[in-house]
Amino acid sequence: MKKNIRKFLKFIKVSMLVTVFFMCQQVYIPKAETKVINENLNKTLDLHSMSVRYDEMVLSDLQVPLATFTGDLTGYAADCPLCSGYLGCTNKNVLNPRVTTYDDIDYGNVNIVASSRNIPCGSIVSFDLSGVKVTAIVLDRGVLGSDLDLLVESEDIAIKNVGRKKISYDVLRFGYERDN
């Protein structure tokens, strides 16, 4: 009887070692990191909670700035004296109908700004305008350095609501894809 129990216990130990071996083969652990051993093999995972947490992390990651710049913020309308009405990055006409926003796949409905070639087309920037957080996409050109030019409905709105302000803005995405 004792022989059978010993064989059974040995079988269980070998089975556990094989299971742990195959579990470890599926996970890549970089050599520079310390290995951790899980002594509690009976622990269950709530996959729904993990999924919700992962989605929260991904969504919150979109708001993490990749860089911060300081420059002047001005406003402009598509029908300004030096404007063609077409966006420099997409060649889309924003005069008829008057368009001042863009539906981005990651950031939703965002304002449109012009920047210099220092910031690639499709980049997402975030700044504060008179106490309101503005998220915008770079779809136009025509300014110098690290300045931004916010597209608004008319020159009157540009003068009254935007003016010329020194701002600090965060770049949330460079180009059309977020690269960390």
N, C-alpha and C. Protein backbone atom coordinates (compact mmCIF):
# COMPACT_ATOMS: atom_id res chain seq x y z
N MET A 1 0.82 -1.19 0.00
CA MET A 1 0.00 0.00 0.00
C MET A 1 0.87 1.26 0.00
N LYS A 2 1.93 1.26 0.85
CA LYS A 2 2.82 2.41 0.92
C LYS A 2 3.53 2.63 -0.42
N LYS A 3 3.85 1.52 -1.12
CA LYS A 3 4.49 1.62 -2.41
C LYS A 3 3.59 2.34 -3.41
N ASN A 4 2.31 2.02 -3.36
CA ASN A 4 1.36 2.65 -4.28
C ASN A 4 1.21 4.14 -3.97
N ILE A 5 1.20 4.49 -2.69
CA ILE A 5 1.08 5.90 -2.29
C ILE A 5 2.32 6.66 -2.74
N ARG A 6 3.51 6.05 -2.55
CA ARG A 6 4.74 6.70 -3.00
C ARG A 6 4.75 6.90 -4.51
N LYS A 7 4.33 5.88 -5.24
CA LYS A 7 4.25 6.00 -6.70
C LYS A 7 3.27 7.10 -7.09
N PHE A 8 2.14 7.14 -6.40
CA PHE A 8 1.13 8.16 -6.70
C PHE A 8 1.68 9.56 -6.42
N LEU A 9 2.34 9.74 -5.27
CA LEU A 9 2.93 11.04 -4.94
C LEU A 9 4.03 11.42 -5.93
N LYS A 10 4.83 10.46 -6.33
CA LYS A 10 5.87 10.71 -7.31
C LYS A 10 5.24 11.12 -8.64
N PHE A 11 4.17 10.43 -9.03
CA PHE A 11 3.45 10.77 -10.26
C PHE A 11 2.92 12.19 -10.19
N ILE A 12 2.37 12.59 -9.05
CA ILE A 12 1.83 13.95 -8.89
C ILE A 12 2.96 14.97 -8.99
N LYS A 13 4.09 14.72 -8.33
CA LYS A 13 5.22 15.65 -8.40
C LYS A 13 5.71 15.82 -9.83
N VAL A 14 5.86 14.71 -10.54
CA VAL A 14 6.33 14.77 -11.92
C VAL A 14 5.30 15.52 -12.79
N SER A 15 4.01 15.25 -12.56
CA SER A 15 2.97 15.94 -13.32
C SER A 15 3.01 17.44 -13.07
N MET A 16 3.20 17.82 -11.82
CA MET A 16 3.27 19.25 -11.49
C MET A 16 4.49 19.89 -12.15
N LEU A 17 5.63 19.20 -12.12
CA LEU A 17 6.84 19.73 -12.74
C LEU A 17 6.65 19.90 -14.25
N VAL A 18 6.03 18.92 -14.88
CA VAL A 18 5.78 19.01 -16.32
C VAL A 18 4.83 20.17 -16.61
N THR A 19 3.78 20.32 -15.79
CA THR A 19 2.83 21.43 -15.97
C THR A 19 3.52 22.76 -15.81
N VAL A 20 4.31 22.92 -14.77
CA VAL A 20 5.03 24.16 -14.54
C VAL A 20 6.01 24.42 -15.69
N PHE A 21 6.67 23.38 -16.15
CA PHE A 21 7.61 23.53 -17.26
C PHE A 21 6.91 24.08 -18.50
N PHE A 22 5.76 23.50 -18.86
CA PHE A 22 5.04 23.97 -20.04
C PHE A 22 4.46 25.36 -19.83
N MET A 23 4.05 25.68 -18.62
CA MET A 23 3.54 27.02 -18.35
C MET A 23 4.66 28.05 -18.51
N CYS A 24 5.85 27.72 -18.05
CA CYS A 24 6.97 28.64 -18.14
C CYS A 24 7.44 28.80 -19.59
N GLN A 25 7.27 27.79 -20.41
CA GLN A 25 7.67 27.87 -21.81
C GLN A 25 6.83 28.88 -22.58
N GLN A 26 5.61 29.15 -22.14
CA GLN A 26 4.72 30.06 -22.85
C GLN A 26 5.01 31.52 -22.52
N VAL A 27 5.72 31.80 -21.47
CA VAL A 27 5.97 33.17 -21.04
C VAL A 27 7.44 33.50 -21.24
N TYR A 28 7.71 34.57 -21.97
CA TYR A 28 9.08 35.00 -22.19
C TYR A 28 9.48 35.92 -21.04
N ILE A 29 10.55 35.59 -20.35
CA ILE A 29 11.06 36.41 -19.25
C ILE A 29 12.43 36.90 -19.67
N PRO A 30 12.58 38.21 -19.85
CA PRO A 30 13.90 38.74 -20.23
C PRO A 30 14.97 38.37 -19.20
N LYS A 31 16.18 38.19 -19.67
CA LYS A 31 17.27 37.75 -18.80
C LYS A 31 17.59 38.75 -17.71
N ALA A 32 17.33 40.02 -17.95
CA ALA A 32 17.69 41.05 -16.98
C ALA A 32 16.72 41.11 -15.80
N GLU A 33 15.57 40.45 -15.91
CA GLU A 33 14.59 40.52 -14.84
C GLU A 33 14.74 39.33 -13.90
N THR A 34 14.30 39.52 -12.68
CA THR A 34 14.34 38.46 -11.69
C THR A 34 13.15 37.54 -11.88
N LYS A 35 13.38 36.24 -11.80
CA LYS A 35 12.30 35.27 -11.95
C LYS A 35 11.53 35.16 -10.63
N VAL A 36 10.22 35.01 -10.77
CA VAL A 36 9.36 34.88 -9.60
C VAL A 36 8.67 33.53 -9.67
N ILE A 37 8.65 32.83 -8.56
CA ILE A 37 8.01 31.52 -8.50
C ILE A 37 6.68 31.66 -7.81
N ASN A 38 5.65 31.12 -8.41
CA ASN A 38 4.30 31.16 -7.83
C ASN A 38 4.08 29.86 -7.07
N GLU A 39 4.05 29.95 -5.75
CA GLU A 39 3.84 28.78 -4.91
C GLU A 39 2.37 28.38 -4.83
N ASN A 40 1.48 29.26 -5.26
CA ASN A 40 0.05 29.00 -5.14
C ASN A 40 -0.51 28.63 -6.52
N LEU A 41 -0.50 27.35 -6.86
CA LEU A 41 -0.97 26.91 -8.16
C LEU A 41 -2.49 26.82 -8.23
N ASN A 42 -3.16 26.97 -7.10
CA ASN A 42 -4.61 26.87 -7.08
C ASN A 42 -5.28 28.22 -7.27
N LYS A 43 -4.53 29.26 -7.54
CA LYS A 43 -5.09 30.59 -7.67
C LYS A 43 -5.87 30.71 -8.98
N THR A 44 -7.08 31.23 -8.91
CA THR A 44 -7.89 31.42 -10.11
C THR A 44 -7.86 32.89 -10.51
N LEU A 45 -8.05 33.13 -11.79
CA LEU A 45 -8.02 34.48 -12.31
C LEU A 45 -9.40 34.89 -12.78
N ASP A 46 -9.76 36.11 -12.47
CA ASP A 46 -11.01 36.65 -12.96
C ASP A 46 -10.71 37.33 -14.29
N LEU A 47 -10.98 36.63 -15.39
CA LEU A 47 -10.60 37.12 -16.71
C LEU A 47 -11.35 38.38 -17.09
N HIS A 48 -12.60 38.50 -16.65
CA HIS A 48 -13.36 39.71 -16.96
C HIS A 48 -12.71 40.93 -16.31
N SER A 49 -12.35 40.81 -15.04
CA SER A 49 -11.69 41.92 -14.34
C SER A 49 -10.37 42.29 -15.01
N MET A 50 -9.63 41.28 -15.43
CA MET A 50 -8.37 41.54 -16.12
C MET A 50 -8.62 42.28 -17.43
N SER A 51 -9.64 41.89 -18.16
CA SER A 51 -9.97 42.53 -19.43
C SER A 51 -10.37 43.99 -19.22
N VAL A 52 -11.20 44.25 -18.20
CA VAL A 52 -11.63 45.62 -17.91
C VAL A 52 -10.42 46.46 -17.53
N ARG A 53 -9.54 45.94 -16.70
CA ARG A 53 -8.35 46.68 -16.28
C ARG A 53 -7.43 46.97 -17.47
N TYR A 54 -7.28 45.99 -18.34
CA TYR A 54 -6.44 46.19 -19.53
C TYR A 54 -7.02 47.31 -20.40
N ASP A 55 -8.34 47.30 -20.62
CA ASP A 55 -8.97 48.36 -21.41
C ASP A 55 -8.77 49.72 -20.77
N GLU A 56 -8.86 49.80 -19.43
CA GLU A 56 -8.62 51.06 -18.73
C GLU A 56 -7.19 51.55 -18.95
N MET A 57 -6.24 50.62 -18.90
CA MET A 57 -4.84 50.99 -19.10
C MET A 57 -4.61 51.51 -20.51
N VAL A 58 -5.20 50.85 -21.49
CA VAL A 58 -5.02 51.28 -22.88
C VAL A 58 -5.64 52.65 -23.09
N LEU A 59 -6.85 52.87 -22.58
CA LEU A 59 -7.50 54.17 -22.74
C LEU A 59 -6.73 55.27 -22.03
N SER A 60 -6.27 55.00 -20.83
CA SER A 60 -5.55 56.04 -20.10
C SER A 60 -4.19 56.32 -20.74
N ASP A 61 -3.63 55.34 -21.41
CA ASP A 61 -2.34 55.52 -22.07
C ASP A 61 -2.43 56.55 -23.19
N LEU A 62 -3.60 56.69 -23.82
CA LEU A 62 -3.77 57.66 -24.90
C LEU A 62 -3.60 59.08 -24.41
N GLN A 63 -3.77 59.31 -23.12
CA GLN A 63 -3.66 60.66 -22.57
C GLN A 63 -2.29 60.96 -21.99
N VAL A 64 -1.39 60.01 -22.04
CA VAL A 64 -0.04 60.22 -21.52
C VAL A 64 0.77 60.99 -22.56
N PRO A 65 1.29 62.17 -22.20
CA PRO A 65 2.04 62.97 -23.18
C PRO A 65 3.35 62.30 -23.59
N LEU A 66 3.65 62.38 -24.87
CA LEU A 66 4.92 61.86 -25.38
C LEU A 66 5.98 62.96 -25.40
N ALA A 67 5.53 64.23 -25.48
CA ALA A 67 6.44 65.38 -25.48
C ALA A 67 5.64 66.61 -25.11
N THR A 68 6.34 67.64 -24.65
CA THR A 68 5.69 68.91 -24.31
C THR A 68 6.46 70.04 -24.99
N PHE A 69 5.71 70.97 -25.59
CA PHE A 69 6.30 72.11 -26.29
C PHE A 69 5.68 73.39 -25.78
N THR A 70 6.38 74.50 -25.99
CA THR A 70 5.86 75.83 -25.68
C THR A 70 5.90 76.65 -26.96
N GLY A 71 4.81 77.37 -27.21
CA GLY A 71 4.74 78.19 -28.41
C GLY A 71 3.56 79.13 -28.33
N ASP A 72 3.36 79.90 -29.38
CA ASP A 72 2.22 80.81 -29.45
C ASP A 72 1.03 80.07 -30.06
N LEU A 73 -0.15 80.35 -29.51
CA LEU A 73 -1.39 79.83 -30.07
C LEU A 73 -2.14 81.00 -30.69
N THR A 74 -2.53 80.86 -31.94
CA THR A 74 -3.36 81.85 -32.61
C THR A 74 -4.54 81.12 -33.23
N GLY A 75 -5.51 81.88 -33.70
CA GLY A 75 -6.66 81.29 -34.36
C GLY A 75 -6.72 81.76 -35.80
N TYR A 76 -7.32 80.93 -36.65
CA TYR A 76 -7.50 81.33 -38.05
C TYR A 76 -8.78 80.71 -38.58
N ALA A 77 -9.32 81.30 -39.62
CA ALA A 77 -10.48 80.76 -40.31
C ALA A 77 -10.06 80.34 -41.71
N ALA A 78 -10.78 79.39 -42.29
CA ALA A 78 -10.41 78.87 -43.60
C ALA A 78 -10.50 79.92 -44.69
N ASP A 79 -11.25 81.01 -44.44
CA ASP A 79 -11.39 82.05 -45.46
C ASP A 79 -10.53 83.28 -45.16
N CYS A 80 -9.48 83.11 -44.39
CA CYS A 80 -8.60 84.25 -44.10
C CYS A 80 -7.92 84.71 -45.39
N PRO A 81 -7.41 85.93 -45.43
CA PRO A 81 -6.84 86.48 -46.67
C PRO A 81 -5.73 85.62 -47.30
N LEU A 82 -4.92 84.96 -46.50
CA LEU A 82 -3.82 84.14 -47.05
C LEU A 82 -4.16 82.66 -47.10
N CYS A 83 -5.40 82.29 -46.77
CA CYS A 83 -5.80 80.88 -46.70
C CYS A 83 -6.49 80.44 -47.99
N SER A 84 -6.27 79.19 -48.36
CA SER A 84 -6.90 78.65 -49.57
C SER A 84 -8.21 77.95 -49.26
N GLY A 85 -8.42 77.58 -48.00
CA GLY A 85 -9.61 76.81 -47.64
C GLY A 85 -9.35 75.32 -47.66
N TYR A 86 -8.15 74.91 -48.06
CA TYR A 86 -7.79 73.50 -48.11
C TYR A 86 -6.75 73.19 -47.03
N LEU A 87 -6.91 72.06 -46.36
CA LEU A 87 -5.95 71.64 -45.32
C LEU A 87 -4.68 71.13 -45.99
N GLY A 88 -3.54 71.55 -45.47
CA GLY A 88 -2.25 71.19 -46.05
C GLY A 88 -1.91 69.71 -45.97
N CYS A 89 -2.42 69.00 -44.98
CA CYS A 89 -2.07 67.58 -44.80
C CYS A 89 -3.00 66.65 -45.57
N THR A 90 -4.24 67.05 -45.77
CA THR A 90 -5.23 66.16 -46.39
C THR A 90 -5.78 66.70 -47.69
N ASN A 91 -5.55 67.97 -47.99
CA ASN A 91 -6.09 68.68 -49.15
C ASN A 91 -7.62 68.72 -49.13
N LYS A 92 -8.21 68.56 -47.95
CA LYS A 92 -9.66 68.62 -47.80
C LYS A 92 -10.11 70.08 -47.72
N ASN A 93 -11.20 70.40 -48.41
CA ASN A 93 -11.76 71.75 -48.39
C ASN A 93 -12.58 71.91 -47.11
N VAL A 94 -12.23 72.91 -46.29
CA VAL A 94 -12.97 73.15 -45.04
C VAL A 94 -13.81 74.42 -45.12
N LEU A 95 -13.93 74.98 -46.31
CA LEU A 95 -14.73 76.18 -46.49
C LEU A 95 -16.22 75.88 -46.63
N ASN A 96 -16.56 74.89 -47.44
CA ASN A 96 -17.96 74.62 -47.71
C ASN A 96 -18.22 73.13 -47.61
N PRO A 97 -18.84 72.62 -46.58
CA PRO A 97 -19.33 73.35 -45.41
C PRO A 97 -18.17 73.69 -44.49
N ARG A 98 -18.39 74.65 -43.62
CA ARG A 98 -17.35 75.07 -42.67
C ARG A 98 -17.06 73.93 -41.71
N VAL A 99 -15.84 73.45 -41.73
CA VAL A 99 -15.43 72.34 -40.87
C VAL A 99 -14.31 72.83 -39.97
N THR A 100 -14.43 72.59 -38.67
CA THR A 100 -13.36 72.97 -37.74
C THR A 100 -12.95 71.80 -36.85
N THR A 101 -13.59 70.64 -37.05
CA THR A 101 -13.26 69.45 -36.24
C THR A 101 -13.02 68.26 -37.14
N TYR A 102 -12.47 67.22 -36.54
CA TYR A 102 -12.13 65.99 -37.26
C TYR A 102 -12.46 64.81 -36.35
N ASP A 103 -13.03 63.74 -36.90
CA ASP A 103 -13.33 62.53 -36.13
C ASP A 103 -12.15 61.58 -36.22
N ASP A 104 -11.38 61.50 -35.14
CA ASP A 104 -10.21 60.63 -35.07
C ASP A 104 -10.62 59.28 -34.49
N ILE A 105 -10.05 58.22 -34.99
CA ILE A 105 -10.41 56.87 -34.56
C ILE A 105 -10.08 56.63 -33.08
N ASP A 106 -9.01 57.24 -32.57
CA ASP A 106 -8.61 57.03 -31.18
C ASP A 106 -9.11 58.11 -30.24
N TYR A 107 -9.15 59.35 -30.68
CA TYR A 107 -9.44 60.49 -29.80
C TYR A 107 -10.82 61.10 -30.01
N GLY A 108 -11.59 60.56 -30.95
CA GLY A 108 -12.94 61.06 -31.17
C GLY A 108 -12.94 62.38 -31.92
N ASN A 109 -13.93 63.22 -31.63
CA ASN A 109 -14.09 64.50 -32.32
C ASN A 109 -13.11 65.52 -31.73
N VAL A 110 -12.12 65.91 -32.53
CA VAL A 110 -11.07 66.82 -32.07
C VAL A 110 -11.02 68.05 -32.97
N ASN A 111 -10.49 69.13 -32.44
CA ASN A 111 -10.32 70.36 -33.22
C ASN A 111 -9.19 70.17 -34.22
N ILE A 112 -9.08 71.08 -35.16
CA ILE A 112 -8.02 71.04 -36.17
C ILE A 112 -7.06 72.20 -35.91
N VAL A 113 -5.76 71.90 -35.96
CA VAL A 113 -4.74 72.93 -35.81
C VAL A 113 -3.75 72.85 -36.96
N ALA A 114 -3.10 73.98 -37.19
CA ALA A 114 -1.98 74.04 -38.13
C ALA A 114 -0.71 74.12 -37.31
N SER A 115 0.35 73.49 -37.81
CA SER A 115 1.65 73.58 -37.13
C SER A 115 2.73 73.66 -38.20
N SER A 116 3.95 73.71 -37.75
CA SER A 116 5.07 73.66 -38.69
C SER A 116 5.36 72.19 -39.00
N ARG A 117 6.32 71.96 -39.83
CA ARG A 117 6.69 70.58 -40.18
C ARG A 117 7.42 69.88 -39.02
N ASN A 118 7.66 70.58 -37.92
CA ASN A 118 8.29 69.96 -36.75
C ASN A 118 7.38 68.90 -36.14
N ILE A 119 6.08 69.06 -36.31
CA ILE A 119 5.12 68.10 -35.77
C ILE A 119 4.41 67.46 -36.96
N PRO A 120 4.49 66.14 -37.11
CA PRO A 120 3.94 65.47 -38.29
C PRO A 120 2.41 65.60 -38.41
N CYS A 121 1.93 65.51 -39.64
CA CYS A 121 0.49 65.49 -39.88
C CYS A 121 -0.13 64.30 -39.13
N GLY A 122 -1.31 64.52 -38.57
CA GLY A 122 -2.00 63.47 -37.83
C GLY A 122 -1.64 63.44 -36.36
N SER A 123 -0.70 64.27 -35.93
CA SER A 123 -0.33 64.30 -34.51
C SER A 123 -1.48 64.87 -33.69
N ILE A 124 -1.63 64.36 -32.48
CA ILE A 124 -2.65 64.84 -31.55
C ILE A 124 -1.97 65.68 -30.48
N VAL A 125 -2.49 66.89 -30.28
CA VAL A 125 -1.96 67.79 -29.25
C VAL A 125 -3.07 68.14 -28.28
N SER A 126 -2.67 68.49 -27.07
CA SER A 126 -3.63 68.87 -26.03
C SER A 126 -3.10 70.12 -25.34
N PHE A 127 -4.00 71.11 -25.17
CA PHE A 127 -3.60 72.35 -24.51
C PHE A 127 -4.80 72.96 -23.81
N ASP A 128 -4.51 73.96 -22.98
CA ASP A 128 -5.55 74.66 -22.22
C ASP A 128 -5.81 76.00 -22.89
N LEU A 129 -7.11 76.26 -23.19
CA LEU A 129 -7.49 77.53 -23.80
C LEU A 129 -8.55 78.17 -22.91
N SER A 130 -8.14 79.19 -22.16
CA SER A 130 -9.04 79.91 -21.25
C SER A 130 -9.77 78.97 -20.29
N GLY A 131 -9.03 78.02 -19.73
CA GLY A 131 -9.60 77.11 -18.74
C GLY A 131 -10.29 75.90 -19.33
N VAL A 132 -10.30 75.76 -20.64
CA VAL A 132 -10.93 74.61 -21.31
C VAL A 132 -9.85 73.77 -21.95
N LYS A 133 -9.88 72.45 -21.68
CA LYS A 133 -8.90 71.56 -22.29
C LYS A 133 -9.31 71.30 -23.73
N VAL A 134 -8.38 71.57 -24.66
CA VAL A 134 -8.64 71.38 -26.08
C VAL A 134 -7.73 70.27 -26.58
N THR A 135 -8.32 69.31 -27.28
CA THR A 135 -7.57 68.27 -27.95
C THR A 135 -7.72 68.50 -29.44
N ALA A 136 -6.61 68.50 -30.15
CA ALA A 136 -6.65 68.84 -31.57
C ALA A 136 -5.71 67.95 -32.37
N ILE A 137 -5.97 67.89 -33.66
CA ILE A 137 -5.14 67.11 -34.58
C ILE A 137 -4.47 68.05 -35.57
N VAL A 138 -3.22 67.79 -35.88
CA VAL A 138 -2.47 68.60 -36.85
C VAL A 138 -2.87 68.12 -38.25
N LEU A 139 -3.61 68.98 -38.96
CA LEU A 139 -4.02 68.67 -40.33
C LEU A 139 -3.68 69.79 -41.31
N ASP A 140 -3.00 70.82 -40.83
CA ASP A 140 -2.69 71.95 -41.69
C ASP A 140 -1.27 72.45 -41.39
N ARG A 141 -0.74 73.21 -42.28
CA ARG A 141 0.60 73.80 -42.14
C ARG A 141 0.48 75.31 -42.18
N GLY A 142 1.57 76.00 -42.03
CA GLY A 142 1.55 77.44 -42.21
C GLY A 142 2.03 78.25 -41.03
N VAL A 143 2.56 77.62 -40.00
CA VAL A 143 3.12 78.37 -38.87
C VAL A 143 4.58 77.98 -38.72
N LEU A 144 5.30 78.71 -37.91
CA LEU A 144 6.73 78.47 -37.72
C LEU A 144 7.02 77.89 -36.35
N GLY A 145 8.13 77.19 -36.26
CA GLY A 145 8.62 76.68 -34.98
C GLY A 145 7.65 75.75 -34.28
N SER A 146 7.40 76.06 -33.02
CA SER A 146 6.51 75.21 -32.22
C SER A 146 5.16 75.88 -31.97
N ASP A 147 4.81 76.86 -32.81
CA ASP A 147 3.52 77.55 -32.67
C ASP A 147 2.39 76.67 -33.22
N LEU A 148 1.16 76.97 -32.77
CA LEU A 148 -0.04 76.30 -33.27
C LEU A 148 -1.04 77.35 -33.71
N ASP A 149 -1.85 77.00 -34.68
CA ASP A 149 -2.89 77.88 -35.20
C ASP A 149 -4.19 77.07 -35.20
N LEU A 150 -5.14 77.48 -34.37
CA LEU A 150 -6.40 76.75 -34.19
C LEU A 150 -7.42 77.17 -35.23
N LEU A 151 -7.97 76.20 -35.96
CA LEU A 151 -8.99 76.49 -36.97
C LEU A 151 -10.33 76.76 -36.29
N VAL A 152 -10.92 77.94 -36.56
CA VAL A 152 -12.21 78.32 -35.98
C VAL A 152 -13.14 78.75 -37.12
N GLU A 153 -14.39 79.05 -36.77
CA GLU A 153 -15.42 79.33 -37.78
C GLU A 153 -15.19 80.63 -38.54
N SER A 154 -14.68 81.67 -37.88
CA SER A 154 -14.51 82.97 -38.54
C SER A 154 -13.34 83.73 -37.94
N GLU A 155 -12.90 84.75 -38.65
CA GLU A 155 -11.80 85.59 -38.16
C GLU A 155 -12.21 86.33 -36.88
N ASP A 156 -13.47 86.71 -36.78
CA ASP A 156 -13.96 87.39 -35.56
C ASP A 156 -13.79 86.48 -34.34
N ILE A 157 -14.18 85.22 -34.48
CA ILE A 157 -14.03 84.26 -33.37
C ILE A 157 -12.54 84.07 -33.06
N ALA A 158 -11.73 84.02 -34.10
CA ALA A 158 -10.29 83.86 -33.89
C ALA A 158 -9.72 85.01 -33.09
N ILE A 159 -10.14 86.22 -33.39
CA ILE A 159 -9.63 87.40 -32.69
C ILE A 159 -10.17 87.47 -31.26
N LYS A 160 -11.48 87.26 -31.10
CA LYS A 160 -12.12 87.42 -29.79
C LYS A 160 -11.83 86.27 -28.83
N ASN A 161 -11.88 85.03 -29.31
CA ASN A 161 -11.80 83.88 -28.41
C ASN A 161 -10.40 83.26 -28.30
N VAL A 162 -9.60 83.44 -29.32
CA VAL A 162 -8.27 82.82 -29.28
C VAL A 162 -7.20 83.90 -29.13
N GLY A 163 -7.19 84.87 -30.02
CA GLY A 163 -6.16 85.91 -29.95
C GLY A 163 -4.79 85.35 -30.19
N ARG A 164 -3.82 85.82 -29.41
CA ARG A 164 -2.46 85.28 -29.44
C ARG A 164 -2.06 85.02 -27.99
N LYS A 165 -1.80 83.76 -27.68
CA LYS A 165 -1.45 83.37 -26.32
C LYS A 165 -0.20 82.50 -26.34
N LYS A 166 0.62 82.67 -25.34
CA LYS A 166 1.77 81.79 -25.14
C LYS A 166 1.23 80.57 -24.39
N ILE A 167 1.38 79.37 -24.96
CA ILE A 167 0.86 78.15 -24.33
C ILE A 167 1.94 77.08 -24.25
N SER A 168 1.68 76.14 -23.39
CA SER A 168 2.44 74.91 -23.31
C SER A 168 1.47 73.81 -23.73
N TYR A 169 1.88 72.98 -24.65
CA TYR A 169 0.98 71.92 -25.11
C TYR A 169 1.69 70.57 -25.12
N ASP A 170 0.89 69.53 -24.93
CA ASP A 170 1.40 68.16 -24.92
C ASP A 170 1.10 67.49 -26.25
N VAL A 171 2.06 66.73 -26.74
CA VAL A 171 1.83 65.90 -27.92
C VAL A 171 1.47 64.51 -27.41
N LEU A 172 0.25 64.08 -27.72
CA LEU A 172 -0.23 62.78 -27.28
C LEU A 172 0.04 61.68 -28.31
N ARG A 173 0.23 62.10 -29.54
CA ARG A 173 0.52 61.14 -30.62
C ARG A 173 1.31 61.87 -31.69
N PHE A 174 2.40 61.27 -32.15
CA PHE A 174 3.17 61.80 -33.27
C PHE A 174 2.72 61.09 -34.53
N GLY A 175 2.17 61.82 -35.48
CA GLY A 175 1.67 61.21 -36.71
C GLY A 175 0.33 60.53 -36.45
N TYR A 176 -0.01 59.61 -37.34
CA TYR A 176 -1.34 58.96 -37.23
C TYR A 176 -1.35 57.75 -36.33
N GLU A 177 -0.18 57.29 -35.86
CA GLU A 177 -0.14 56.16 -34.93
C GLU A 177 0.68 56.54 -33.71
N ARG A 178 0.22 56.07 -32.55
CA ARG A 178 0.92 56.39 -31.30
C ARG A 178 2.09 55.45 -31.14
N ASP A 179 3.29 56.01 -31.09
CA ASP A 179 4.52 55.24 -30.84
C ASP A 179 5.13 55.79 -29.57
N ASN A 180 5.43 54.92 -28.64
CA ASN A 180 6.03 55.36 -27.37
C ASN A 180 7.52 55.53 -27.52
